[in-house]
Amino acid sequence: MRIHTGPGYRLYIAKLETFSIPKTLNTEARRLAYLSSVLEDGDTAELKRALTYIAQSKGKNLPPLRGDFDLLKVLKQLGFTLQALEGKKPTRSKKRAHSRLNSWANI
């Protein structure tokens, strides 16, 4: 590969880090916002990934969450509790949890 440089050209090379959700979840407010977002979507596979990311962000290891798992036990281990709220009419897509990353990352 050739890179042509000359007068008037500047070449900038930046090292990009791999994006890491657990690194982004570095406060309790971010963890709660992320978990709430995933719970709203109601996708079990996404919930399992979210719990794993939250555990990693806290430096904890969870057993593999395959098949049915004890949600309450895992939430308690991560310091969360469940609370029933009046439901809203669903208006969000299943894949929205990751697309909302920017909205709660600034918390």
C-alpha atoms as a PDB file:
ATOM      1  CA  MET A   1       0.000   0.000   0.000  1.00  0.00           C
ATOM      2  CA  ARG A   2       1.339   3.427  -0.894  1.00  0.00           C
ATOM      3  CA  ILE A   3       0.510   6.610   0.856  1.00  0.00           C
ATOM      4  CA  HIS A   4       1.331   9.721  -1.111  1.00  0.00           C
ATOM      5  CA  THR A   5       2.341  12.728   0.882  1.00  0.00           C
ATOM      6  CA  GLY A   6       3.786  15.966  -0.213  1.00  0.00           C
ATOM      7  CA  PRO A   7       3.446  19.681   0.246  1.00  0.00           C
ATOM      8  CA  GLY A   8       0.037  20.513   1.651  1.00  0.00           C
ATOM      9  CA  TYR A   9      -0.701  16.969   2.822  1.00  0.00           C
ATOM     10  CA  ARG A  10      -0.741  15.844   6.397  1.00  0.00           C
ATOM     11  CA  LEU A  11      -1.255  12.288   7.479  1.00  0.00           C
ATOM     12  CA  TYR A  12      -2.880  11.667  10.833  1.00  0.00           C
ATOM     13  CA  ILE A  13      -3.095   8.214  12.305  1.00  0.00           C
ATOM     14  CA  ALA A  14      -5.133   7.721  15.442  1.00  0.00           C
ATOM     15  CA  LYS A  15      -5.270   4.596  17.514  1.00  0.00           C
ATOM     16  CA  LEU A  16      -8.914   3.722  18.117  1.00  0.00           C
ATOM     17  CA  GLU A  17      -9.849   1.627  21.097  1.00  0.00           C
ATOM     18  CA  THR A  18     -12.398  -1.133  20.830  1.00  0.00           C
ATOM     19  CA  PHE A  19     -15.732   0.001  22.251  1.00  0.00           C
ATOM     20  CA  SER A  20     -16.586  -1.744  25.504  1.00  0.00           C
ATOM     21  CA  ILE A  21     -20.034  -1.592  27.071  1.00  0.00           C
ATOM     22  CA  PRO A  22     -18.740  -2.679  30.512  1.00  0.00           C
ATOM     23  CA  LYS A  23     -16.224   0.200  30.513  1.00  0.00           C
ATOM     24  CA  THR A  24     -19.046   2.616  29.695  1.00  0.00           C
ATOM     25  CA  LEU A  25     -21.141   1.318  32.603  1.00  0.00           C
ATOM     26  CA  ASN A  26     -18.861   2.930  35.181  1.00  0.00           C
ATOM     27  CA  THR A  27     -21.530   4.482  37.453  1.00  0.00           C
ATOM     28  CA  GLU A  28     -24.627   3.128  39.150  1.00  0.00           C
ATOM     29  CA  ALA A  29     -26.761   5.649  37.264  1.00  0.00           C
ATOM     30  CA  ARG A  30     -25.522   4.311  33.921  1.00  0.00           C
ATOM     31  CA  ARG A  31     -26.009   0.717  35.008  1.00  0.00           C
ATOM     32  CA  LEU A  32     -29.574   1.422  36.136  1.00  0.00           C
ATOM     33  CA  ALA A  33     -30.412   3.323  32.956  1.00  0.00           C
ATOM     34  CA  TYR A  34     -29.002   0.507  30.806  1.00  0.00           C
ATOM     35  CA  LEU A  35     -30.805  -2.223  32.743  1.00  0.00           C
ATOM     36  CA  SER A  36     -34.089  -0.271  32.684  1.00  0.00           C
ATOM     37  CA  SER A  37     -33.750   0.192  28.944  1.00  0.00           C
ATOM     38  CA  VAL A  38     -33.186  -3.513  28.371  1.00  0.00           C
ATOM     39  CA  LEU A  39     -36.044  -4.512  30.676  1.00  0.00           C
ATOM     40  CA  GLU A  40     -38.420  -2.207  28.757  1.00  0.00           C
ATOM     41  CA  ASP A  41     -37.640  -4.056  25.547  1.00  0.00           C
ATOM     42  CA  GLY A  42     -38.473  -7.430  27.098  1.00  0.00           C
ATOM     43  CA  ASP A  43     -35.857  -9.395  25.137  1.00  0.00           C
ATOM     44  CA  THR A  44     -34.507 -12.254  27.281  1.00  0.00           C
ATOM     45  CA  ALA A  45     -31.319 -12.702  25.249  1.00  0.00           C
ATOM     46  CA  GLU A  46     -30.570  -8.987  25.544  1.00  0.00           C
ATOM     47  CA  LEU A  47     -31.273  -9.132  29.294  1.00  0.00           C
ATOM     48  CA  LYS A  48     -28.732 -11.928  29.717  1.00  0.00           C
ATOM     49  CA  ARG A  49     -26.104  -9.912  27.824  1.00  0.00           C
ATOM     50  CA  ALA A  50     -26.926  -6.794  29.845  1.00  0.00           C
ATOM     51  CA  LEU A  51     -26.540  -8.611  33.162  1.00  0.00           C
ATOM     52  CA  THR A  52     -23.204  -9.987  32.004  1.00  0.00           C
ATOM     53  CA  TYR A  53     -22.015  -6.497  30.966  1.00  0.00           C
ATOM     54  CA  ILE A  54     -23.131  -5.033  34.298  1.00  0.00           C
ATOM     55  CA  ALA A  55     -21.342  -7.781  36.215  1.00  0.00           C
ATOM     56  CA  GLN A  56     -18.165  -7.144  34.194  1.00  0.00           C
ATOM     57  CA  SER A  57     -18.439  -3.405  34.881  1.00  0.00           C
ATOM     58  CA  LYS A  58     -18.474  -4.202  38.614  1.00  0.00           C
ATOM     59  CA  GLY A  59     -15.608  -6.676  38.350  1.00  0.00           C
ATOM     60  CA  LYS A  60     -17.859  -9.620  39.201  1.00  0.00           C
ATOM     61  CA  ASN A  61     -18.180 -12.955  37.462  1.00  0.00           C
ATOM     62  CA  LEU A  62     -21.557 -14.525  36.832  1.00  0.00           C
ATOM     63  CA  PRO A  63     -22.121 -18.152  35.962  1.00  0.00           C
ATOM     64  CA  PRO A  64     -23.143 -18.586  32.318  1.00  0.00           C
ATOM     65  CA  LEU A  65     -26.768 -17.489  31.913  1.00  0.00           C
ATOM     66  CA  ARG A  66     -28.057 -20.274  29.707  1.00  0.00           C
ATOM     67  CA  GLY A  67     -31.649 -21.352  29.372  1.00  0.00           C
ATOM     68  CA  ASP A  68     -33.774 -20.427  32.354  1.00  0.00           C
ATOM     69  CA  PHE A  69     -31.856 -18.694  35.089  1.00  0.00           C
ATOM     70  CA  ASP A  70     -32.778 -17.297  38.483  1.00  0.00           C
ATOM     71  CA  LEU A  71     -33.248 -13.640  37.548  1.00  0.00           C
ATOM     72  CA  LEU A  72     -33.929 -12.471  41.102  1.00  0.00           C
ATOM     73  CA  LYS A  73     -30.786 -14.164  42.420  1.00  0.00           C
ATOM     74  CA  VAL A  74     -28.624 -12.605  39.704  1.00  0.00           C
ATOM     75  CA  LEU A  75     -30.146  -9.141  40.208  1.00  0.00           C
ATOM     76  CA  LYS A  76     -29.588  -9.370  43.967  1.00  0.00           C
ATOM     77  CA  GLN A  77     -25.973 -10.441  43.409  1.00  0.00           C
ATOM     78  CA  LEU A  78     -25.484  -7.300  41.283  1.00  0.00           C
ATOM     79  CA  GLY A  79     -27.180  -5.058  43.866  1.00  0.00           C
ATOM     80  CA  PHE A  80     -30.491  -4.499  42.057  1.00  0.00           C
ATOM     81  CA  THR A  81     -34.093  -5.150  43.051  1.00  0.00           C
ATOM     82  CA  LEU A  82     -37.241  -5.411  40.962  1.00  0.00           C
ATOM     83  CA  GLN A  83     -40.083  -2.949  41.329  1.00  0.00           C
ATOM     84  CA  ALA A  84     -43.469  -3.153  39.660  1.00  0.00           C
ATOM     85  CA  LEU A  85     -44.554  -0.025  37.801  1.00  0.00           C
ATOM     86  CA  GLU A  86     -47.640   0.711  35.775  1.00  0.00           C
ATOM     87  CA  GLY A  87     -46.930  -0.434  32.250  1.00  0.00           C
ATOM     88  CA  LYS A  88     -46.829   1.769  29.191  1.00  0.00           C
ATOM     89  CA  LYS A  89     -47.958   0.840  25.738  1.00  0.00           C
ATOM     90  CA  PRO A  90     -44.877  -0.633  23.999  1.00  0.00           C
ATOM     91  CA  THR A  91     -43.584   1.618  21.249  1.00  0.00           C
ATOM     92  CA  ARG A  92     -39.946   0.588  21.017  1.00  0.00           C
ATOM     93  CA  SER A  93     -38.196  -1.974  18.881  1.00  0.00           C
ATOM     94  CA  LYS A  94     -36.270  -4.890  20.379  1.00  0.00           C
ATOM     95  CA  LYS A  95     -32.913  -3.660  19.141  1.00  0.00           C
ATOM     96  CA  ARG A  96     -33.302  -0.253  20.705  1.00  0.00           C
ATOM     97  CA  ALA A  97     -31.296  -1.007  23.862  1.00  0.00           C
ATOM     98  CA  HIS A  98     -27.960  -0.752  22.080  1.00  0.00           C
ATOM     99  CA  SER A  99     -29.099   2.113  19.877  1.00  0.00           C
ATOM    100  CA  ARG A 100     -29.889   4.145  23.005  1.00  0.00           C
ATOM    101  CA  LEU A 101     -26.312   3.824  24.207  1.00  0.00           C
ATOM    102  CA  ASN A 102     -25.551   7.461  23.484  1.00  0.00           C
ATOM    103  CA  SER A 103     -28.618   8.664  25.361  1.00  0.00           C
ATOM    104  CA  TRP A 104     -27.584   7.196  28.709  1.00  0.00           C
ATOM    105  CA  ALA A 105     -23.803   7.244  28.235  1.00  0.00           C
ATOM    106  CA  ASN A 106     -23.732  10.929  29.170  1.00  0.00           C
ATOM    107  CA  ILE A 107     -25.347  10.351  32.568  1.00  0.00           C
END
